[in-house]
Amino acid sequence: MMMTCSFTGRPTDFPVMSKTTGHVYEKEEIEKHIRDYGKCPVTGRLLTMDDIKPIIMRKVPVQAPNGSFSSNSKTAEESSCPRIPPRIAKEIKVTRRELSEHRIDLYREISTSLATADAPLQGYIFNNSYTLHKTIMPGVLSMDIDNSKGIIATGGADTNAVVFDLSSRKTVSKLSGHSEKVTSVKFVNEGELVVTGSGDNTVRVWQRSKKGSYKCMHILGHHTAEVRAVTIHPTQKYFVTASFDCTWQLYDLASESSVACCKGSESFSNAVFHPDGRILGTCTSGLVRLWDVAKQDDILQIDHHKGSDVTSIAFSGNGYTLATAAGEGVKLWDLRFLRTMKTFVSSYDKDTKTRSVEFDHSGKYLATGGAHISIYETDVAAVPDPIATFSDISGMGDLSCVKFGKDAKYVAAARKLDSKLLLFGLSEGNQT
């Protein structure tokens, strides 16, 4: 199980505990604090090295009072999959702390231009729709946004991916080559690369030219079934693909090669990196699993959706919250205390699943997409009702993905029923 340092609020690599207070700390952090100040950073009382004892992490099943969490601890060694190279495992462990400090600094300095709940979010309207894919095989199945260049990438049932420019409202590049639907699409390094996963079992890496078009540079064929998800490591050096073949693969972008493989017991339908890069979240038929990437350990299971298929997961930018979506609704989980914070149950078209959940970069808002789009405030004290709902657009049902634009100044969504990208905001001028 993950343990969180009472001092820094970050997950621990080497947890220790105070004999007097029971507080858990990261070993290196508390030892430095004791040397510098000689007291507990939480209570302010005197604290010495003799008061600190290590916590031995034994891999045994654990059960929370509500029955929603359990430890599985299935490792790559047990499933005979290639282990992650020590060099990369060490880098992921080291960069986890740097990324954690970076995201905490960003969270403390939320942009003053972030959209507010009352204005303009509640005033958002449907701006326009754009047909980006072939209509003979309708459906936009995946989407990503690169705010640095103001571009949106979509993956379609027509086997193509498309890069759309927000300022010109035009398609700037069509990425053709997959023989089956494009199930996942992700930008890397501020739009310099695009990685796509497909129903043809392959992953493709596309390079951006100076003119903005993309060319396929590599085809990766390590999966034996449909690739369902691509997720980029926060360092932008690695990415993970998850597949119906019950494996996830870790790739090194520099060498464009698979450096590790981890096998689960169920087909994966989605995968997302935690902002610190150490934890990978995956969806299976009825479970959410959290993996320690460097160790390739399945460290935690979340099973609290009453047996419903989990269709989408997302970590908040501050790293403290996880959103999970399934047939009966969307749940927010506090990862620091491993408990449910909120449950959002849609009042519109309950027969249509929520297929997409997405936080804005600040973690203040959560967007859900299914039969309609709803936007919620994630603060524990906020009411569970949506602050905005878009449900009156003709033929809008069965949304496959929804994402926030920069500072939540617009919302983009895509439909499974046709080939349209939908944009919502105050006006066309607010989209960039």
Protein backbone atom coordinates (compact mmCIF):
# COMPACT_ATOMS: atom_id res chain seq x y z
CA MET A 1 0.00 0.00 0.00
CA MET A 2 1.16 3.55 -0.67
CA MET A 3 2.03 5.57 2.43
CA THR A 4 2.11 9.36 2.52
CA CYS A 5 4.65 11.46 4.41
CA SER A 6 2.93 13.53 7.14
CA PHE A 7 5.53 16.23 6.59
CA THR A 8 5.60 16.68 2.79
CA GLY A 9 2.28 15.09 1.79
CA ARG A 10 4.08 12.99 -0.85
CA PRO A 11 4.15 9.19 -1.26
CA THR A 12 7.05 7.57 0.60
CA ASP A 13 9.83 5.40 -0.82
CA PHE A 14 11.30 4.53 2.60
CA PRO A 15 8.60 5.11 5.24
CA VAL A 16 9.47 5.53 8.93
CA MET A 17 7.22 6.20 11.90
CA SER A 18 7.48 8.25 15.08
CA LYS A 19 7.22 5.96 18.13
CA THR A 20 5.52 8.70 20.14
CA THR A 21 3.00 10.21 17.70
CA GLY A 22 2.56 7.47 15.06
CA HIS A 23 3.14 9.95 12.22
CA VAL A 24 4.62 8.49 9.03
CA TYR A 25 7.51 10.24 7.27
CA GLU A 26 9.85 9.77 4.35
CA LYS A 27 13.12 8.65 6.00
CA GLU A 28 15.41 11.15 4.28
CA GLU A 29 13.04 14.09 4.83
CA ILE A 30 12.49 13.54 8.57
CA GLU A 31 16.15 12.82 9.31
CA LYS A 32 17.16 16.10 7.69
CA HIS A 33 14.44 17.95 9.62
CA ILE A 34 15.57 16.41 12.92
CA ARG A 35 19.19 17.38 12.23
CA ASP A 36 18.17 20.94 11.40
CA TYR A 37 15.46 21.58 14.02
CA GLY A 38 15.34 18.68 16.49
CA LYS A 39 11.55 18.59 16.62
CA CYS A 40 8.51 17.04 14.96
CA PRO A 41 7.40 19.07 11.90
CA VAL A 42 3.73 18.26 12.66
CA THR A 43 3.40 18.68 16.46
CA GLY A 44 6.42 20.89 17.15
CA ARG A 45 7.51 18.59 19.99
CA LEU A 46 11.10 17.46 20.54
CA LEU A 47 12.06 14.59 18.23
CA THR A 48 15.29 12.58 17.98
CA MET A 49 16.60 9.86 15.68
CA ASP A 50 15.90 7.33 18.45
CA ASP A 51 12.19 8.17 18.21
CA ILE A 52 12.09 7.04 14.56
CA LYS A 53 11.64 3.43 13.49
CA PRO A 54 11.41 1.94 9.98
CA ILE A 55 8.13 0.56 8.65
CA ILE A 56 8.45 -2.91 7.15
CA MET A 57 6.15 -3.17 4.13
CA ARG A 58 4.85 -6.71 3.96
CA LYS A 59 2.81 -7.70 0.93
CA VAL A 60 -0.34 -8.97 2.62
CA PRO A 61 -3.99 -8.30 1.71
CA VAL A 62 -5.51 -5.26 3.36
CA GLN A 63 -9.14 -4.29 3.54
CA ALA A 64 -10.59 -0.88 4.17
CA PRO A 65 -13.76 -0.53 6.26
CA ASN A 66 -15.90 0.09 3.17
CA GLY A 67 -14.38 -2.91 1.37
CA SER A 68 -13.21 -0.83 -1.57
CA PHE A 69 -9.45 -1.27 -1.39
CA SER A 70 -7.21 -4.31 -1.44
CA SER A 71 -3.56 -5.13 -2.08
CA ASN A 72 -2.71 -7.60 -4.81
CA SER A 73 1.06 -7.32 -5.16
CA LYS A 74 1.41 -9.19 -8.45
CA THR A 75 4.88 -8.48 -9.80
CA ALA A 76 6.43 -8.75 -13.22
CA GLU A 77 8.70 -11.51 -11.92
CA GLU A 78 5.65 -13.59 -11.01
CA SER A 79 4.23 -13.14 -14.50
CA SER A 80 7.59 -13.80 -16.25
CA CYS A 81 7.65 -10.39 -17.97
CA PRO A 82 10.86 -8.46 -18.74
CA ARG A 83 11.99 -6.33 -15.80
CA ILE A 84 12.51 -2.60 -16.16
CA PRO A 85 16.26 -1.81 -16.58
CA PRO A 86 17.84 -0.63 -13.29
CA ARG A 87 18.94 2.65 -14.90
CA ILE A 88 15.39 3.58 -15.87
CA ALA A 89 13.90 2.31 -12.60
CA LYS A 90 16.33 4.54 -10.69
CA GLU A 91 15.53 7.54 -12.88
CA ILE A 92 11.79 7.11 -12.31
CA LYS A 93 12.38 6.95 -8.54
CA VAL A 94 14.64 10.02 -8.55
CA THR A 95 12.46 12.14 -10.85
CA ARG A 96 9.38 11.25 -8.78
CA ARG A 97 10.58 13.55 -6.00
CA GLU A 98 11.47 16.36 -8.42
CA LEU A 99 8.11 16.06 -10.18
CA SER A 100 6.31 16.03 -6.84
CA GLU A 101 7.98 19.26 -5.75
CA HIS A 102 7.24 20.81 -9.14
CA ARG A 103 3.53 19.96 -9.11
CA ILE A 104 3.16 21.20 -5.51
CA ASP A 105 4.72 24.53 -6.53
CA LEU A 106 2.38 24.76 -9.54
CA TYR A 107 -0.64 23.90 -7.40
CA ARG A 108 0.24 26.69 -4.97
CA GLU A 109 0.48 29.15 -7.87
CA ILE A 110 -2.78 28.51 -9.71
CA SER A 111 -3.06 30.92 -12.60
CA THR A 112 -5.12 34.04 -11.94
CA SER A 113 -6.59 33.55 -15.42
CA LEU A 114 -8.21 30.22 -14.43
CA ALA A 115 -11.92 30.27 -15.27
CA THR A 116 -14.18 30.65 -12.24
CA ALA A 117 -17.24 28.53 -11.53
CA ASP A 118 -19.79 31.36 -11.71
CA ALA A 119 -18.20 33.25 -14.60
CA PRO A 120 -17.36 32.19 -17.17
CA LEU A 121 -17.93 28.42 -16.73
CA GLN A 122 -21.66 28.69 -16.10
CA GLY A 123 -21.94 30.92 -19.15
CA TYR A 124 -20.31 28.52 -21.59
CA ILE A 125 -22.29 27.76 -24.73
CA PHE A 126 -21.88 25.46 -27.70
CA ASN A 127 -19.60 27.31 -30.13
CA ASN A 128 -19.14 25.04 -33.11
CA SER A 129 -18.51 21.52 -34.38
CA TYR A 130 -15.93 20.31 -36.88
CA THR A 131 -16.02 17.10 -38.93
CA LEU A 132 -12.46 15.76 -38.78
CA HIS A 133 -12.80 12.12 -39.81
CA LYS A 134 -14.44 10.08 -42.55
CA THR A 135 -18.18 9.70 -42.06
CA ILE A 136 -18.39 6.26 -43.70
CA MET A 137 -16.76 4.92 -40.51
CA PRO A 138 -18.05 7.48 -37.98
CA GLY A 139 -16.67 8.03 -34.53
CA VAL A 140 -13.99 10.06 -32.75
CA LEU A 141 -12.58 7.68 -30.13
CA SER A 142 -9.69 9.62 -28.56
CA MET A 143 -8.43 13.16 -28.11
CA ASP A 144 -5.57 15.20 -26.67
CA ILE A 145 -4.80 18.92 -26.44
CA ASP A 146 -1.42 20.67 -26.60
CA ASN A 147 -1.93 24.12 -25.12
CA SER A 148 1.56 25.34 -26.02
CA LYS A 149 0.75 25.24 -29.73
CA GLY A 150 -3.06 25.51 -29.55
CA ILE A 151 -3.65 22.20 -31.32
CA ILE A 152 -5.98 19.25 -30.76
CA ALA A 153 -5.33 15.67 -31.87
CA THR A 154 -8.17 13.20 -32.43
CA GLY A 155 -8.18 9.49 -33.21
CA GLY A 156 -11.00 8.02 -35.26
CA ALA A 157 -12.77 4.81 -36.14
CA ASP A 158 -11.72 5.56 -39.74
CA THR A 159 -8.13 4.42 -38.84
CA ASN A 160 -6.78 7.99 -38.99
CA ALA A 161 -5.56 10.54 -36.46
CA VAL A 162 -5.99 14.24 -37.16
CA VAL A 163 -4.25 17.35 -35.79
CA PHE A 164 -6.55 20.39 -35.68
CA ASP A 165 -5.38 24.00 -35.20
CA LEU A 166 -7.58 26.07 -32.91
CA SER A 167 -6.59 29.50 -34.21
CA SER A 168 -7.22 28.74 -37.89
CA ARG A 169 -10.01 26.20 -37.23
CA LYS A 170 -8.41 23.91 -39.81
CA THR A 171 -6.90 20.44 -39.98
CA VAL A 172 -3.13 20.87 -40.24
CA SER A 173 -2.14 17.20 -40.49
CA LYS A 174 -3.75 13.83 -41.18
CA LEU A 175 -1.92 10.84 -39.71
CA SER A 176 -2.70 7.82 -41.88
CA GLY A 177 -1.17 4.37 -41.56
CA HIS A 178 -3.06 2.31 -38.98
CA SER A 179 -5.24 -0.44 -40.41
CA GLU A 180 -7.80 -0.34 -37.57
CA LYS A 181 -9.40 2.33 -35.36
CA VAL A 182 -7.18 4.77 -33.46
CA THR A 183 -8.10 4.18 -29.84
CA SER A 184 -5.63 6.55 -28.16
CA VAL A 185 -3.66 9.64 -29.18
CA LYS A 186 -1.19 11.68 -27.12
CA PHE A 187 1.07 14.70 -27.70
CA VAL A 188 4.67 14.57 -26.46
CA ASN A 189 7.21 17.37 -25.90
CA GLU A 190 4.86 20.28 -26.64
CA GLY A 191 3.45 18.73 -29.76
CA GLU A 192 6.75 17.75 -31.37
CA LEU A 193 5.64 14.12 -31.32
CA VAL A 194 2.31 12.31 -31.43
CA VAL A 195 1.93 8.73 -30.19
CA THR A 196 -1.08 6.72 -31.37
CA GLY A 197 -2.44 3.33 -30.29
CA SER A 198 -4.73 1.27 -32.47
CA GLY A 199 -7.02 -1.71 -32.80
CA ASP A 200 -4.43 -3.15 -35.19
CA ASN A 201 -2.29 -4.02 -32.10
CA THR A 202 0.39 -1.46 -32.97
CA VAL A 203 1.66 1.87 -31.67
CA ARG A 204 2.99 4.58 -33.99
CA VAL A 205 5.25 7.53 -33.19
CA TRP A 206 4.83 10.59 -35.42
CA GLN A 207 7.31 13.48 -35.80
CA ARG A 208 6.20 17.07 -36.42
CA SER A 209 7.75 18.99 -39.32
CA LYS A 210 8.45 22.72 -39.39
CA LYS A 211 5.23 23.23 -41.36
CA GLY A 212 3.16 21.45 -38.73
CA SER A 213 2.48 18.17 -40.52
CA TYR A 214 3.38 14.81 -38.94
CA LYS A 215 5.28 11.85 -40.40
CA CYS A 216 5.34 8.31 -38.98
CA MET A 217 8.84 7.56 -37.69
CA HIS A 218 8.35 4.28 -35.84
CA ILE A 219 5.86 1.39 -35.71
CA LEU A 220 5.90 -0.62 -32.47
CA GLY A 221 4.30 -4.05 -32.52
CA HIS A 222 4.80 -5.57 -29.08
CA HIS A 223 1.13 -6.21 -28.28
CA THR A 224 -0.89 -9.21 -29.44
CA ALA A 225 -4.32 -7.56 -29.09
CA GLU A 226 -5.91 -4.14 -29.43
CA VAL A 227 -3.98 -1.25 -27.87
CA ARG A 228 -6.47 0.59 -25.69
CA ALA A 229 -4.43 3.40 -24.16
CA VAL A 230 -1.26 5.44 -24.45
CA THR A 231 -0.08 7.56 -21.51
CA ILE A 232 3.02 9.76 -21.43
CA HIS A 233 5.37 9.86 -18.43
CA PRO A 234 5.57 13.39 -16.92
CA THR A 235 9.28 13.62 -17.83
CA GLN A 236 8.25 13.16 -21.49
CA LYS A 237 10.99 10.51 -21.79
CA TYR A 238 8.85 7.39 -21.56
CA PHE A 239 5.36 6.23 -22.34
CA VAL A 240 3.16 3.27 -21.46
CA THR A 241 0.72 1.40 -23.67
CA ALA A 242 -2.07 -0.79 -22.27
CA SER A 243 -3.79 -3.52 -24.23
CA PHE A 244 -6.55 -6.09 -24.33
CA ASP A 245 -3.74 -8.68 -24.24
CA CYS A 246 -3.56 -8.11 -20.44
CA THR A 247 -0.17 -6.35 -20.61
CA TRP A 248 1.19 -2.86 -20.36
CA GLN A 249 4.46 -1.96 -22.05
CA LEU A 250 6.93 0.74 -20.98
CA TYR A 251 8.75 2.44 -23.89
CA ASP A 252 11.84 4.64 -23.96
CA LEU A 253 11.21 7.52 -26.36
CA ALA A 254 14.92 8.06 -27.02
CA SER A 255 15.41 4.54 -28.38
CA GLU A 256 11.78 4.00 -29.44
CA SER A 257 11.96 0.54 -27.87
CA SER A 258 10.03 -1.44 -25.28
CA VAL A 259 12.09 -1.59 -22.08
CA ALA A 260 9.64 -3.49 -19.86
CA CYS A 261 6.42 -5.44 -19.97
CA CYS A 262 4.01 -6.13 -17.13
CA LYS A 263 1.21 -8.69 -17.29
CA GLY A 264 -2.04 -8.42 -15.40
CA SER A 265 -4.89 -10.85 -14.98
CA GLU A 266 -7.49 -8.90 -17.00
CA SER A 267 -7.63 -6.92 -20.24
CA PHE A 268 -6.70 -3.26 -19.81
CA SER A 269 -9.12 -0.65 -21.11
CA ASN A 270 -7.28 2.51 -19.97
CA ALA A 271 -4.03 3.68 -18.37
CA VAL A 272 -2.91 7.02 -16.89
CA PHE A 273 0.30 8.19 -15.18
CA HIS A 274 0.16 9.94 -11.81
CA PRO A 275 1.73 13.44 -12.04
CA ASP A 276 4.75 12.21 -10.05
CA GLY A 277 5.44 9.52 -12.65
CA ARG A 278 5.97 6.71 -10.13
CA ILE A 279 2.40 5.38 -10.13
CA LEU A 280 0.43 4.07 -13.12
CA GLY A 281 -3.34 3.71 -12.91
CA THR A 282 -5.10 1.16 -15.11
CA CYS A 283 -8.71 0.15 -15.75
CA THR A 284 -9.82 -3.43 -16.12
CA SER A 285 -13.30 -4.90 -16.46
CA GLY A 286 -14.37 -4.05 -12.92
CA LEU A 287 -11.27 -2.77 -11.17
CA VAL A 288 -8.86 0.13 -11.02
CA ARG A 289 -5.31 -0.98 -10.31
CA LEU A 290 -2.42 1.21 -9.20
CA TRP A 291 1.08 0.04 -10.15
CA ASP A 292 4.50 1.03 -8.88
CA VAL A 293 6.12 1.49 -12.30
CA ALA A 294 9.75 1.19 -11.17
CA LYS A 295 9.04 -2.06 -9.33
CA GLN A 296 6.31 -3.26 -11.72
CA ASP A 297 4.20 -4.11 -8.69
CA ASP A 298 0.41 -4.08 -8.60
CA ILE A 299 0.21 -2.24 -5.27
CA LEU A 300 -3.45 -1.33 -4.91
CA GLN A 301 -6.88 -2.27 -6.22
CA ILE A 302 -9.99 -0.10 -6.10
CA ASP A 303 -13.20 -2.05 -6.45
CA HIS A 304 -16.16 0.07 -5.43
CA HIS A 305 -18.26 0.39 -8.58
CA LYS A 306 -20.63 -2.49 -7.84
CA GLY A 307 -19.20 -4.71 -10.54
CA SER A 308 -19.66 -2.14 -13.32
CA ASP A 309 -17.02 -1.80 -16.02
CA VAL A 310 -14.67 1.09 -15.21
CA THR A 311 -14.51 3.12 -18.40
CA SER A 312 -12.20 6.01 -17.51
CA ILE A 313 -9.79 7.23 -14.82
CA ALA A 314 -7.89 10.48 -14.24
CA PHE A 315 -5.45 11.88 -11.67
CA SER A 316 -5.75 15.51 -10.61
CA GLY A 317 -2.82 17.80 -11.32
CA ASN A 318 -2.12 18.21 -7.59
CA GLY A 319 -1.70 14.44 -7.33
CA TYR A 320 -4.07 13.97 -4.40
CA THR A 321 -7.26 12.93 -6.18
CA LEU A 322 -8.29 10.12 -8.51
CA ALA A 323 -11.51 10.13 -10.54
CA THR A 324 -13.05 6.84 -11.70
CA ALA A 325 -16.05 6.47 -14.00
CA ALA A 326 -18.34 3.46 -14.39
CA GLY A 327 -21.94 2.63 -15.22
CA GLU A 328 -23.45 3.88 -11.98
CA GLY A 329 -21.53 7.15 -11.75
CA VAL A 330 -18.24 8.93 -11.12
CA LYS A 331 -16.31 8.72 -7.86
CA LEU A 332 -13.55 10.93 -6.47
CA TRP A 333 -10.93 9.22 -4.30
CA ASP A 334 -8.59 10.91 -1.82
CA LEU A 335 -5.29 9.10 -2.42
CA ARG A 336 -3.76 10.45 0.80
CA PHE A 337 -6.27 8.67 3.01
CA LEU A 338 -7.55 6.03 0.55
CA ARG A 339 -11.18 6.97 0.85
CA THR A 340 -14.08 8.13 -1.29
CA MET A 341 -14.52 11.91 -1.33
CA LYS A 342 -17.58 12.29 -3.55
CA THR A 343 -19.90 10.40 -5.86
CA PHE A 344 -21.51 12.09 -8.86
CA VAL A 345 -24.59 10.38 -10.26
CA SER A 346 -25.92 11.70 -13.56
CA SER A 347 -29.58 12.66 -13.78
CA TYR A 348 -29.50 12.53 -17.59
CA ASP A 349 -29.88 9.35 -19.65
CA LYS A 350 -28.69 6.84 -17.06
CA ASP A 351 -28.47 4.15 -19.73
CA THR A 352 -25.46 5.87 -21.34
CA LYS A 353 -22.17 5.29 -19.55
CA THR A 354 -19.79 8.04 -18.55
CA ARG A 355 -16.92 7.31 -20.95
CA SER A 356 -14.54 10.11 -20.06
CA VAL A 357 -13.41 11.94 -16.93
CA GLU A 358 -10.84 14.74 -17.00
CA PHE A 359 -9.50 17.30 -14.50
CA ASP A 360 -8.44 20.78 -15.55
CA HIS A 361 -4.75 21.48 -14.88
CA SER A 362 -5.47 23.03 -11.47
CA GLY A 363 -7.51 20.09 -10.24
CA LYS A 364 -10.33 22.44 -9.27
CA TYR A 365 -12.77 21.18 -11.90
CA LEU A 366 -13.73 17.77 -13.24
CA ALA A 367 -15.43 17.24 -16.60
CA THR A 368 -17.40 14.08 -17.38
CA GLY A 369 -18.62 12.96 -20.79
CA GLY A 370 -21.25 10.40 -21.72
CA ALA A 371 -24.79 11.28 -22.76
CA HIS A 372 -23.83 14.90 -22.04
CA ILE A 373 -21.01 16.96 -20.54
CA SER A 374 -21.06 17.94 -16.88
CA ILE A 375 -18.51 20.05 -15.01
CA TYR A 376 -18.11 19.71 -11.25
CA GLU A 377 -16.11 21.43 -8.55
CA THR A 378 -13.83 18.92 -6.82
CA ASP A 379 -13.54 20.71 -3.48
CA VAL A 380 -14.86 18.51 -0.69
CA ALA A 381 -17.07 21.32 0.61
CA ALA A 382 -18.62 21.99 -2.81
CA VAL A 383 -22.06 20.60 -3.61
CA PRO A 384 -22.09 17.41 -5.71
CA ASP A 385 -24.34 18.98 -8.36
CA PRO A 386 -22.71 20.11 -11.63
CA ILE A 387 -21.88 23.78 -12.04
CA ALA A 388 -22.49 23.45 -15.78
CA THR A 389 -24.14 20.84 -18.02
CA PHE A 390 -24.24 20.73 -21.81
CA SER A 391 -27.03 18.37 -22.86
CA ASP A 392 -29.18 20.15 -25.42
CA ILE A 393 -26.97 19.74 -28.50
CA SER A 394 -28.68 17.80 -31.27
CA GLY A 395 -27.33 14.27 -31.51
CA MET A 396 -24.80 14.92 -28.79
CA GLY A 397 -25.17 11.59 -26.96
CA ASP A 398 -22.49 8.99 -26.33
CA LEU A 399 -19.47 11.26 -25.99
CA SER A 400 -16.20 9.34 -26.12
CA CYS A 401 -13.88 11.96 -24.61
CA VAL A 402 -13.91 15.42 -23.05
CA LYS A 403 -11.01 17.73 -22.14
CA PHE A 404 -10.40 21.21 -20.76
CA GLY A 405 -8.52 23.82 -22.72
CA LYS A 406 -5.92 26.12 -21.17
CA ASP A 407 -7.08 27.58 -17.83
CA ALA A 408 -10.47 25.89 -18.42
CA LYS A 409 -11.26 28.67 -20.93
CA TYR A 410 -12.98 26.15 -23.20
CA VAL A 411 -14.09 22.53 -23.23
CA ALA A 412 -13.53 20.17 -26.16
CA ALA A 413 -15.50 16.96 -26.67
CA ALA A 414 -15.78 14.23 -29.28
CA ARG A 415 -18.62 11.91 -30.22
CA LYS A 416 -18.68 8.19 -30.93
CA LEU A 417 -21.81 8.52 -33.07
CA ASP A 418 -20.25 10.73 -35.74
CA SER A 419 -16.92 12.29 -36.64
CA LYS A 420 -17.29 15.67 -34.94
CA LEU A 421 -15.15 17.66 -32.56
CA LEU A 422 -17.31 19.90 -30.35
CA LEU A 423 -16.12 23.14 -28.72
CA PHE A 424 -17.78 24.95 -25.81
CA GLY A 425 -16.85 28.35 -24.39
CA LEU A 426 -17.94 31.98 -24.14
CA SER A 427 -17.21 32.79 -27.76
CA GLU A 428 -14.97 31.77 -30.65
CA GLY A 429 -12.45 34.34 -29.46
CA ASN A 430 -12.04 32.61 -26.12
CA GLN A 431 -10.86 29.32 -27.63
CA THR A 432 -7.14 30.05 -27.91
